[in-house]
All heavy atoms as atom14 arrays in JSON, in Angstrom:
{
  "sequence": "TEAARKLADVALEDTELQRQLVTQTVKESYTNINFAVRLIQVNQ",
  "atom14_mask": [
    [1, 1, 1, 1, 1, 1, 1, 0, 0, 0, 0, 0, 0, 0],
    [1, 1, 1, 1, 1, 1, 1, 1, 1, 0, 0, 0, 0, 0],
    [1, 1, 1, 1, 1, 0, 0, 0, 0, 0, 0, 0, 0, 0],
    [1, 1, 1, 1, 1, 0, 0, 0, 0, 0, 0, 0, 0, 0],
    [1, 1, 1, 1, 1, 1, 1, 1, 1, 1, 1, 0, 0, 0],
    [1, 1, 1, 1, 1, 1, 1, 1, 1, 0, 0, 0, 0, 0],
    [1, 1, 1, 1, 1, 1, 1, 1, 0, 0, 0, 0, 0, 0],
    [1, 1, 1, 1, 1, 0, 0, 0, 0, 0, 0, 0, 0, 0],
    [1, 1, 1, 1, 1, 1, 1, 1, 0, 0, 0, 0, 0, 0],
    [1, 1, 1, 1, 1, 1, 1, 0, 0, 0, 0, 0, 0, 0],
    [1, 1, 1, 1, 1, 0, 0, 0, 0, 0, 0, 0, 0, 0],
    [1, 1, 1, 1, 1, 1, 1, 1, 0, 0, 0, 0, 0, 0],
    [1, 1, 1, 1, 1, 1, 1, 1, 1, 0, 0, 0, 0, 0],
    [1, 1, 1, 1, 1, 1, 1, 1, 0, 0, 0, 0, 0, 0],
    [1, 1, 1, 1, 1, 1, 1, 0, 0, 0, 0, 0, 0, 0],
    [1, 1, 1, 1, 1, 1, 1, 1, 1, 0, 0, 0, 0, 0],
    [1, 1, 1, 1, 1, 1, 1, 1, 0, 0, 0, 0, 0, 0],
    [1, 1, 1, 1, 1, 1, 1, 1, 1, 0, 0, 0, 0, 0],
    [1, 1, 1, 1, 1, 1, 1, 1, 1, 1, 1, 0, 0, 0],
    [1, 1, 1, 1, 1, 1, 1, 1, 1, 0, 0, 0, 0, 0],
    [1, 1, 1, 1, 1, 1, 1, 1, 0, 0, 0, 0, 0, 0],
    [1, 1, 1, 1, 1, 1, 1, 0, 0, 0, 0, 0, 0, 0],
    [1, 1, 1, 1, 1, 1, 1, 0, 0, 0, 0, 0, 0, 0],
    [1, 1, 1, 1, 1, 1, 1, 1, 1, 0, 0, 0, 0, 0],
    [1, 1, 1, 1, 1, 1, 1, 0, 0, 0, 0, 0, 0, 0],
    [1, 1, 1, 1, 1, 1, 1, 0, 0, 0, 0, 0, 0, 0],
    [1, 1, 1, 1, 1, 1, 1, 1, 1, 0, 0, 0, 0, 0],
    [1, 1, 1, 1, 1, 1, 1, 1, 1, 0, 0, 0, 0, 0],
    [1, 1, 1, 1, 1, 1, 0, 0, 0, 0, 0, 0, 0, 0],
    [1, 1, 1, 1, 1, 1, 1, 1, 1, 1, 1, 1, 0, 0],
    [1, 1, 1, 1, 1, 1, 1, 0, 0, 0, 0, 0, 0, 0],
    [1, 1, 1, 1, 1, 1, 1, 1, 0, 0, 0, 0, 0, 0],
    [1, 1, 1, 1, 1, 1, 1, 1, 0, 0, 0, 0, 0, 0],
    [1, 1, 1, 1, 1, 1, 1, 1, 0, 0, 0, 0, 0, 0],
    [1, 1, 1, 1, 1, 1, 1, 1, 1, 1, 1, 0, 0, 0],
    [1, 1, 1, 1, 1, 0, 0, 0, 0, 0, 0, 0, 0, 0],
    [1, 1, 1, 1, 1, 1, 1, 0, 0, 0, 0, 0, 0, 0],
    [1, 1, 1, 1, 1, 1, 1, 1, 1, 1, 1, 0, 0, 0],
    [1, 1, 1, 1, 1, 1, 1, 1, 0, 0, 0, 0, 0, 0],
    [1, 1, 1, 1, 1, 1, 1, 1, 0, 0, 0, 0, 0, 0],
    [1, 1, 1, 1, 1, 1, 1, 1, 1, 0, 0, 0, 0, 0],
    [1, 1, 1, 1, 1, 1, 1, 0, 0, 0, 0, 0, 0, 0],
    [1, 1, 1, 1, 1, 1, 1, 1, 0, 0, 0, 0, 0, 0],
    [1, 1, 1, 1, 1, 1, 1, 1, 1, 0, 0, 0, 0, 0]
  ],
  "atom14_positions": [
    [[113.84, 73.49, 71.89], [112.51, 72.92, 72.14], [112.4, 72.39, 73.55], [111.39, 72.57, 74.23], [112.22, 71.81, 71.13], [112.35, 72.34, 69.79], [110.83, 71.26, 71.32], [0.0, 0.0, 0.0], [0.0, 0.0, 0.0], [0.0, 0.0, 0.0], [0.0, 0.0, 0.0], [0.0, 0.0, 0.0], [0.0, 0.0, 0.0], [0.0, 0.0, 0.0]],
    [[113.44, 71.73, 74.03], [113.43, 71.21, 75.4], [113.32, 72.34, 76.42], [112.58, 72.24, 77.4], [114.69, 70.38, 75.66], [114.7, 69.74, 77.04], [115.96, 68.94, 77.28], [116.78, 68.85, 76.34], [116.14, 68.42, 78.4], [0.0, 0.0, 0.0], [0.0, 0.0, 0.0], [0.0, 0.0, 0.0], [0.0, 0.0, 0.0], [0.0, 0.0, 0.0]],
    [[114.05, 73.43, 76.19], [113.97, 74.58, 77.1], [112.58, 75.17, 77.1], [112.03, 75.51, 78.14], [115.01, 75.64, 76.69], [0.0, 0.0, 0.0], [0.0, 0.0, 0.0], [0.0, 0.0, 0.0], [0.0, 0.0, 0.0], [0.0, 0.0, 0.0], [0.0, 0.0, 0.0], [0.0, 0.0, 0.0], [0.0, 0.0, 0.0], [0.0, 0.0, 0.0]],
    [[111.95, 75.3, 75.91], [110.59, 75.83, 75.85], [109.6, 74.9, 76.54], [108.67, 75.37, 77.19], [110.19, 76.06, 74.39], [0.0, 0.0, 0.0], [0.0, 0.0, 0.0], [0.0, 0.0, 0.0], [0.0, 0.0, 0.0], [0.0, 0.0, 0.0], [0.0, 0.0, 0.0], [0.0, 0.0, 0.0], [0.0, 0.0, 0.0], [0.0, 0.0, 0.0]],
    [[109.81, 73.59, 76.41], [108.91, 72.64, 77.07], [109.03, 72.73, 78.6], [108.02, 72.66, 79.32], [109.22, 71.23, 76.59], [108.25, 70.19, 77.11], [108.53, 68.82, 76.53], [108.24, 68.79, 75.09], [109.17, 68.7, 74.13], [110.43, 68.65, 74.47], [108.81, 68.7, 72.86], [0.0, 0.0, 0.0], [0.0, 0.0, 0.0], [0.0, 0.0, 0.0]],
    [[110.24, 72.9, 79.1], [110.42, 73.09, 80.54], [109.76, 74.36, 81.03], [109.14, 74.39, 82.1], [111.92, 73.11, 80.89], [112.66, 71.82, 80.59], [112.12, 70.67, 81.36], [112.89, 69.38, 81.07], [112.34, 68.22, 81.81], [0.0, 0.0, 0.0], [0.0, 0.0, 0.0], [0.0, 0.0, 0.0], [0.0, 0.0, 0.0], [0.0, 0.0, 0.0]],
    [[109.85, 75.43, 80.25], [109.19, 76.67, 80.65], [107.68, 76.54, 80.6], [106.95, 77.17, 81.39], [109.66, 77.8, 79.73], [111.14, 78.18, 79.86], [111.49, 79.29, 78.88], [111.46, 78.62, 81.27], [0.0, 0.0, 0.0], [0.0, 0.0, 0.0], [0.0, 0.0, 0.0], [0.0, 0.0, 0.0], [0.0, 0.0, 0.0], [0.0, 0.0, 0.0]],
    [[107.16, 75.73, 79.68], [105.71, 75.47, 79.66], [105.31, 74.71, 80.93], [104.24, 74.98, 81.52], [105.33, 74.68, 78.43], [0.0, 0.0, 0.0], [0.0, 0.0, 0.0], [0.0, 0.0, 0.0], [0.0, 0.0, 0.0], [0.0, 0.0, 0.0], [0.0, 0.0, 0.0], [0.0, 0.0, 0.0], [0.0, 0.0, 0.0], [0.0, 0.0, 0.0]],
    [[106.15, 73.78, 81.37], [105.84, 73.09, 82.62], [105.91, 74.03, 83.82], [105.16, 73.88, 84.78], [106.84, 71.92, 82.82], [106.67, 70.82, 81.78], [105.56, 70.75, 81.2], [107.63, 70.09, 81.53], [0.0, 0.0, 0.0], [0.0, 0.0, 0.0], [0.0, 0.0, 0.0], [0.0, 0.0, 0.0], [0.0, 0.0, 0.0], [0.0, 0.0, 0.0]],
    [[106.8, 75.01, 83.75], [106.85, 76.02, 84.81], [105.53, 76.81, 84.85], [104.99, 77.08, 85.93], [108.05, 76.98, 84.6], [107.96, 78.18, 85.53], [109.36, 76.24, 84.82], [0.0, 0.0, 0.0], [0.0, 0.0, 0.0], [0.0, 0.0, 0.0], [0.0, 0.0, 0.0], [0.0, 0.0, 0.0], [0.0, 0.0, 0.0], [0.0, 0.0, 0.0]],
    [[105.0, 77.16, 83.68], [103.73, 77.87, 83.63], [102.59, 77.01, 84.15], [101.67, 77.49, 84.8], [103.44, 78.33, 82.19], [0.0, 0.0, 0.0], [0.0, 0.0, 0.0], [0.0, 0.0, 0.0], [0.0, 0.0, 0.0], [0.0, 0.0, 0.0], [0.0, 0.0, 0.0], [0.0, 0.0, 0.0], [0.0, 0.0, 0.0], [0.0, 0.0, 0.0]],
    [[102.65, 75.7, 83.9], [101.63, 74.79, 84.44], [101.71, 74.74, 85.96], [100.68, 74.75, 86.63], [101.83, 73.4, 83.84], [100.83, 72.33, 84.29], [99.4, 72.74, 83.91], [101.18, 70.98, 83.71], [0.0, 0.0, 0.0], [0.0, 0.0, 0.0], [0.0, 0.0, 0.0], [0.0, 0.0, 0.0], [0.0, 0.0, 0.0], [0.0, 0.0, 0.0]],
    [[102.91, 74.69, 86.51], [103.07, 74.72, 87.97], [102.59, 76.04, 88.55], [102.1, 76.09, 89.67], [104.52, 74.45, 88.34], [105.03, 73.08, 87.98], [104.28, 71.97, 88.7], [103.7, 72.25, 89.78], [104.26, 70.84, 88.2], [0.0, 0.0, 0.0], [0.0, 0.0, 0.0], [0.0, 0.0, 0.0], [0.0, 0.0, 0.0], [0.0, 0.0, 0.0]],
    [[102.73, 77.1, 87.79], [102.24, 78.41, 88.25], [100.74, 78.39, 88.36], [100.15, 79.05, 89.26], [102.69, 79.49, 87.29], [102.59, 80.87, 87.89], [102.8, 81.0, 89.1], [102.3, 81.84, 87.15], [0.0, 0.0, 0.0], [0.0, 0.0, 0.0], [0.0, 0.0, 0.0], [0.0, 0.0, 0.0], [0.0, 0.0, 0.0], [0.0, 0.0, 0.0]],
    [[100.06, 77.64, 87.53], [98.59, 77.48, 87.63], [98.24, 76.79, 88.94], [97.32, 77.21, 89.63], [98.08, 76.68, 86.43], [98.41, 77.35, 85.22], [96.57, 76.54, 86.5], [0.0, 0.0, 0.0], [0.0, 0.0, 0.0], [0.0, 0.0, 0.0], [0.0, 0.0, 0.0], [0.0, 0.0, 0.0], [0.0, 0.0, 0.0], [0.0, 0.0, 0.0]],
    [[98.94, 75.71, 89.25], [98.68, 75.01, 90.52], [99.02, 75.91, 91.71], [98.32, 75.9, 92.75], [99.5, 73.73, 90.56], [99.4, 72.97, 91.88], [97.97, 72.53, 92.19], [97.15, 72.41, 91.27], [97.7, 72.31, 93.4], [0.0, 0.0, 0.0], [0.0, 0.0, 0.0], [0.0, 0.0, 0.0], [0.0, 0.0, 0.0], [0.0, 0.0, 0.0]],
    [[100.07, 76.68, 91.62], [100.44, 77.61, 92.69], [99.33, 78.61, 92.93], [98.96, 78.91, 94.07], [101.74, 78.33, 92.34], [102.17, 79.46, 93.27], [102.39, 78.95, 94.68], [103.42, 80.15, 92.74], [0.0, 0.0, 0.0], [0.0, 0.0, 0.0], [0.0, 0.0, 0.0], [0.0, 0.0, 0.0], [0.0, 0.0, 0.0], [0.0, 0.0, 0.0]],
    [[98.75, 79.16, 91.86], [97.66, 80.1, 92.0], [96.44, 79.43, 92.64], [95.73, 80.04, 93.48], [97.28, 80.69, 90.64], [96.29, 81.84, 90.71], [96.85, 83.04, 91.44], [98.03, 83.34, 91.31], [96.03, 83.7, 92.21], [0.0, 0.0, 0.0], [0.0, 0.0, 0.0], [0.0, 0.0, 0.0], [0.0, 0.0, 0.0], [0.0, 0.0, 0.0]],
    [[96.16, 78.2, 92.31], [95.04, 77.47, 92.94], [95.26, 77.34, 94.43], [94.33, 77.51, 95.22], [94.89, 76.1, 92.28], [94.33, 76.11, 90.87], [93.91, 74.72, 90.44], [93.32, 74.71, 89.12], [93.96, 74.36, 88.01], [95.23, 73.97, 88.08], [93.35, 74.36, 86.84], [0.0, 0.0, 0.0], [0.0, 0.0, 0.0], [0.0, 0.0, 0.0]],
    [[96.48, 77.0, 94.82], [96.77, 76.84, 96.24], [96.66, 78.16, 96.99], [96.15, 78.23, 98.12], [98.12, 76.21, 96.44], [98.23, 74.78, 95.95], [99.57, 74.15, 96.24], [100.38, 74.71, 96.97], [99.84, 72.98, 95.67], [0.0, 0.0, 0.0], [0.0, 0.0, 0.0], [0.0, 0.0, 0.0], [0.0, 0.0, 0.0], [0.0, 0.0, 0.0]],
    [[97.13, 79.25, 96.37], [97.04, 80.55, 97.03], [95.58, 81.0, 97.16], [95.2, 81.55, 98.17], [97.83, 81.58, 96.19], [99.35, 81.41, 96.17], [99.97, 82.42, 95.24], [99.93, 81.55, 97.58], [0.0, 0.0, 0.0], [0.0, 0.0, 0.0], [0.0, 0.0, 0.0], [0.0, 0.0, 0.0], [0.0, 0.0, 0.0], [0.0, 0.0, 0.0]],
    [[94.78, 80.76, 96.13], [93.36, 81.11, 96.22], [92.68, 80.27, 97.3], [91.86, 80.8, 98.08], [92.68, 80.9, 94.84], [91.16, 80.95, 94.97], [93.16, 81.94, 93.86], [0.0, 0.0, 0.0], [0.0, 0.0, 0.0], [0.0, 0.0, 0.0], [0.0, 0.0, 0.0], [0.0, 0.0, 0.0], [0.0, 0.0, 0.0], [0.0, 0.0, 0.0]],
    [[93.02, 79.0, 97.39], [92.41, 78.14, 98.4], [92.76, 78.65, 99.8], [91.89, 78.71, 100.68], [92.91, 76.7, 98.23], [92.51, 76.23, 96.96], [92.31, 75.8, 99.29], [0.0, 0.0, 0.0], [0.0, 0.0, 0.0], [0.0, 0.0, 0.0], [0.0, 0.0, 0.0], [0.0, 0.0, 0.0], [0.0, 0.0, 0.0], [0.0, 0.0, 0.0]],
    [[94.01, 79.02, 100.02], [94.4, 79.53, 101.33], [93.67, 80.81, 101.65], [93.19, 81.02, 102.78], [95.92, 79.77, 101.36], [96.41, 80.34, 102.69], [97.87, 80.76, 102.62], [98.54, 80.56, 101.62], [98.36, 81.34, 103.7], [0.0, 0.0, 0.0], [0.0, 0.0, 0.0], [0.0, 0.0, 0.0], [0.0, 0.0, 0.0], [0.0, 0.0, 0.0]],
    [[93.56, 81.73, 100.7], [92.87, 82.99, 100.92], [91.41, 82.76, 101.26], [90.83, 83.42, 102.15], [93.0, 83.89, 99.7], [94.38, 84.07, 99.37], [92.37, 85.24, 99.94], [0.0, 0.0, 0.0], [0.0, 0.0, 0.0], [0.0, 0.0, 0.0], [0.0, 0.0, 0.0], [0.0, 0.0, 0.0], [0.0, 0.0, 0.0], [0.0, 0.0, 0.0]],
    [[90.77, 81.82, 100.55], [89.36, 81.53, 100.84], [89.19, 80.98, 102.24], [88.31, 81.39, 103.0], [88.8, 80.54, 99.79], [87.45, 80.01, 100.21], [88.7, 81.23, 98.44], [0.0, 0.0, 0.0], [0.0, 0.0, 0.0], [0.0, 0.0, 0.0], [0.0, 0.0, 0.0], [0.0, 0.0, 0.0], [0.0, 0.0, 0.0], [0.0, 0.0, 0.0]],
    [[90.06, 80.05, 102.64], [89.95, 79.45, 103.98], [90.16, 80.5, 105.04], [89.43, 80.53, 106.07], [90.98, 78.34, 104.13], [90.67, 77.1, 103.31], [91.73, 76.04, 103.51], [91.43, 74.78, 102.72], [92.49, 73.73, 102.9], [0.0, 0.0, 0.0], [0.0, 0.0, 0.0], [0.0, 0.0, 0.0], [0.0, 0.0, 0.0], [0.0, 0.0, 0.0]],
    [[91.14, 81.4, 104.88], [91.37, 82.42, 105.9], [90.23, 83.42, 105.96], [89.8, 83.81, 107.04], [92.68, 83.15, 105.59], [93.91, 82.25, 105.76], [95.21, 83.02, 105.61], [95.15, 84.25, 105.48], [96.28, 82.4, 105.62], [0.0, 0.0, 0.0], [0.0, 0.0, 0.0], [0.0, 0.0, 0.0], [0.0, 0.0, 0.0], [0.0, 0.0, 0.0]],
    [[89.71, 83.83, 104.8], [88.59, 84.77, 104.8], [87.34, 84.12, 105.41], [86.58, 84.78, 106.13], [88.3, 85.23, 103.35], [89.42, 85.87, 102.79], [0.0, 0.0, 0.0], [0.0, 0.0, 0.0], [0.0, 0.0, 0.0], [0.0, 0.0, 0.0], [0.0, 0.0, 0.0], [0.0, 0.0, 0.0], [0.0, 0.0, 0.0], [0.0, 0.0, 0.0]],
    [[87.13, 82.86, 105.11], [86.01, 82.12, 105.67], [86.12, 82.1, 107.2], [85.13, 82.36, 107.92], [86.03, 80.69, 105.13], [84.79, 79.87, 105.37], [83.83, 79.72, 104.41], [84.6, 79.22, 106.61], [82.7, 78.94, 104.63], [83.47, 78.46, 106.82], [82.51, 78.32, 105.84], [81.4, 77.54, 106.07], [0.0, 0.0, 0.0], [0.0, 0.0, 0.0]],
    [[87.3, 81.83, 107.72], [87.52, 81.8, 109.17], [87.36, 83.19, 109.77], [86.82, 83.34, 110.87], [88.9, 81.23, 109.47], [88.99, 79.92, 108.93], [89.15, 81.16, 110.97], [0.0, 0.0, 0.0], [0.0, 0.0, 0.0], [0.0, 0.0, 0.0], [0.0, 0.0, 0.0], [0.0, 0.0, 0.0], [0.0, 0.0, 0.0], [0.0, 0.0, 0.0]],
    [[87.83, 84.21, 109.06], [87.72, 85.57, 109.59], [86.27, 86.01, 109.72], [85.93, 86.76, 110.64], [88.47, 86.54, 108.67], [89.98, 86.39, 108.8], [90.48, 85.99, 109.86], [90.7, 86.71, 107.75], [0.0, 0.0, 0.0], [0.0, 0.0, 0.0], [0.0, 0.0, 0.0], [0.0, 0.0, 0.0], [0.0, 0.0, 0.0], [0.0, 0.0, 0.0]],
    [[85.4, 85.55, 108.85], [83.97, 85.86, 108.99], [83.44, 85.23, 110.28], [82.75, 85.9, 111.07], [83.18, 85.36, 107.76], [83.55, 86.16, 106.54], [81.68, 85.49, 108.02], [82.86, 85.69, 105.27], [0.0, 0.0, 0.0], [0.0, 0.0, 0.0], [0.0, 0.0, 0.0], [0.0, 0.0, 0.0], [0.0, 0.0, 0.0], [0.0, 0.0, 0.0]],
    [[83.73, 83.97, 110.49], [83.24, 83.31, 111.72], [83.84, 83.93, 112.98], [83.2, 84.03, 114.01], [83.56, 81.83, 111.67], [82.64, 81.07, 110.71], [81.43, 81.22, 110.75], [83.21, 80.28, 109.84], [0.0, 0.0, 0.0], [0.0, 0.0, 0.0], [0.0, 0.0, 0.0], [0.0, 0.0, 0.0], [0.0, 0.0, 0.0], [0.0, 0.0, 0.0]],
    [[85.1, 84.35, 112.87], [85.72, 85.04, 114.0], [85.02, 86.35, 114.29], [84.76, 86.69, 115.47], [87.2, 85.26, 113.7], [87.92, 86.06, 114.74], [87.88, 85.7, 116.08], [88.63, 87.19, 114.39], [88.54, 86.45, 117.05], [89.3, 87.95, 115.34], [89.26, 87.58, 116.67], [0.0, 0.0, 0.0], [0.0, 0.0, 0.0], [0.0, 0.0, 0.0]],
    [[84.7, 87.1, 113.25], [83.99, 88.37, 113.45], [82.58, 88.13, 114.03], [82.12, 88.87, 114.88], [83.91, 89.12, 112.15], [0.0, 0.0, 0.0], [0.0, 0.0, 0.0], [0.0, 0.0, 0.0], [0.0, 0.0, 0.0], [0.0, 0.0, 0.0], [0.0, 0.0, 0.0], [0.0, 0.0, 0.0], [0.0, 0.0, 0.0], [0.0, 0.0, 0.0]],
    [[81.91, 87.08, 113.54], [80.59, 86.76, 114.08], [80.7, 86.4, 115.56], [79.86, 86.8, 116.39], [79.97, 85.6, 113.28], [78.69, 85.1, 113.97], [79.65, 86.06, 111.86], [0.0, 0.0, 0.0], [0.0, 0.0, 0.0], [0.0, 0.0, 0.0], [0.0, 0.0, 0.0], [0.0, 0.0, 0.0], [0.0, 0.0, 0.0], [0.0, 0.0, 0.0]],
    [[81.74, 85.64, 115.93], [81.94, 85.28, 117.33], [82.21, 86.55, 118.17], [81.69, 86.67, 119.3], [83.09, 84.3, 117.45], [83.3, 83.72, 118.83], [82.15, 82.8, 119.24], [82.03, 81.68, 118.34], [82.69, 80.52, 118.53], [83.48, 80.37, 119.57], [82.51, 79.52, 117.69], [0.0, 0.0, 0.0], [0.0, 0.0, 0.0], [0.0, 0.0, 0.0]],
    [[82.98, 87.48, 117.65], [83.24, 88.73, 118.37], [81.95, 89.55, 118.52], [81.77, 90.23, 119.53], [84.32, 89.54, 117.67], [85.74, 88.98, 117.71], [86.71, 89.96, 117.07], [86.17, 88.72, 119.14], [0.0, 0.0, 0.0], [0.0, 0.0, 0.0], [0.0, 0.0, 0.0], [0.0, 0.0, 0.0], [0.0, 0.0, 0.0], [0.0, 0.0, 0.0]],
    [[81.12, 89.53, 117.5], [79.84, 90.23, 117.6], [79.02, 89.66, 118.75], [78.44, 90.4, 119.55], [79.07, 90.17, 116.28], [79.77, 90.98, 115.21], [77.62, 90.63, 116.45], [79.16, 90.87, 113.82], [0.0, 0.0, 0.0], [0.0, 0.0, 0.0], [0.0, 0.0, 0.0], [0.0, 0.0, 0.0], [0.0, 0.0, 0.0], [0.0, 0.0, 0.0]],
    [[78.96, 88.36, 118.84], [78.22, 87.73, 119.94], [78.81, 88.08, 121.3], [78.1, 88.39, 122.24], [78.21, 86.21, 119.73], [77.5, 85.75, 118.47], [77.66, 84.27, 118.24], [78.37, 83.57, 118.97], [77.01, 83.75, 117.19], [0.0, 0.0, 0.0], [0.0, 0.0, 0.0], [0.0, 0.0, 0.0], [0.0, 0.0, 0.0], [0.0, 0.0, 0.0]],
    [[80.14, 88.03, 121.4], [80.79, 88.37, 122.66], [80.52, 89.8, 123.07], [80.18, 90.11, 124.22], [82.31, 88.09, 122.56], [83.04, 88.66, 123.77], [82.57, 86.6, 122.43], [0.0, 0.0, 0.0], [0.0, 0.0, 0.0], [0.0, 0.0, 0.0], [0.0, 0.0, 0.0], [0.0, 0.0, 0.0], [0.0, 0.0, 0.0], [0.0, 0.0, 0.0]],
    [[80.66, 90.72, 122.1], [80.46, 92.14, 122.42], [78.99, 92.46, 122.64], [78.67, 93.36, 123.41], [81.04, 93.01, 121.29], [82.56, 93.03, 121.3], [83.18, 93.68, 122.11], [83.14, 92.26, 120.36], [0.0, 0.0, 0.0], [0.0, 0.0, 0.0], [0.0, 0.0, 0.0], [0.0, 0.0, 0.0], [0.0, 0.0, 0.0], [0.0, 0.0, 0.0]],
    [[78.07, 91.73, 121.97], [76.67, 91.91, 122.25], [76.36, 91.51, 123.69], [75.59, 92.21, 124.39], [75.83, 91.09, 121.26], [74.33, 91.28, 121.41], [73.89, 92.69, 121.06], [74.31, 93.26, 120.05], [73.05, 93.27, 121.91], [0.0, 0.0, 0.0], [0.0, 0.0, 0.0], [0.0, 0.0, 0.0], [0.0, 0.0, 0.0], [0.0, 0.0, 0.0]]
  ]
}
């Protein structure tokens, strides 16, 4: 039972890990849009 409980906690940490990865991807994609917009202005 203790081993199963620890593995459940591992799955819970995996949920937080996925949240952090999604947050990082959103921030980078958000910045990439603004970077592309800035390049459009420069090239225009």
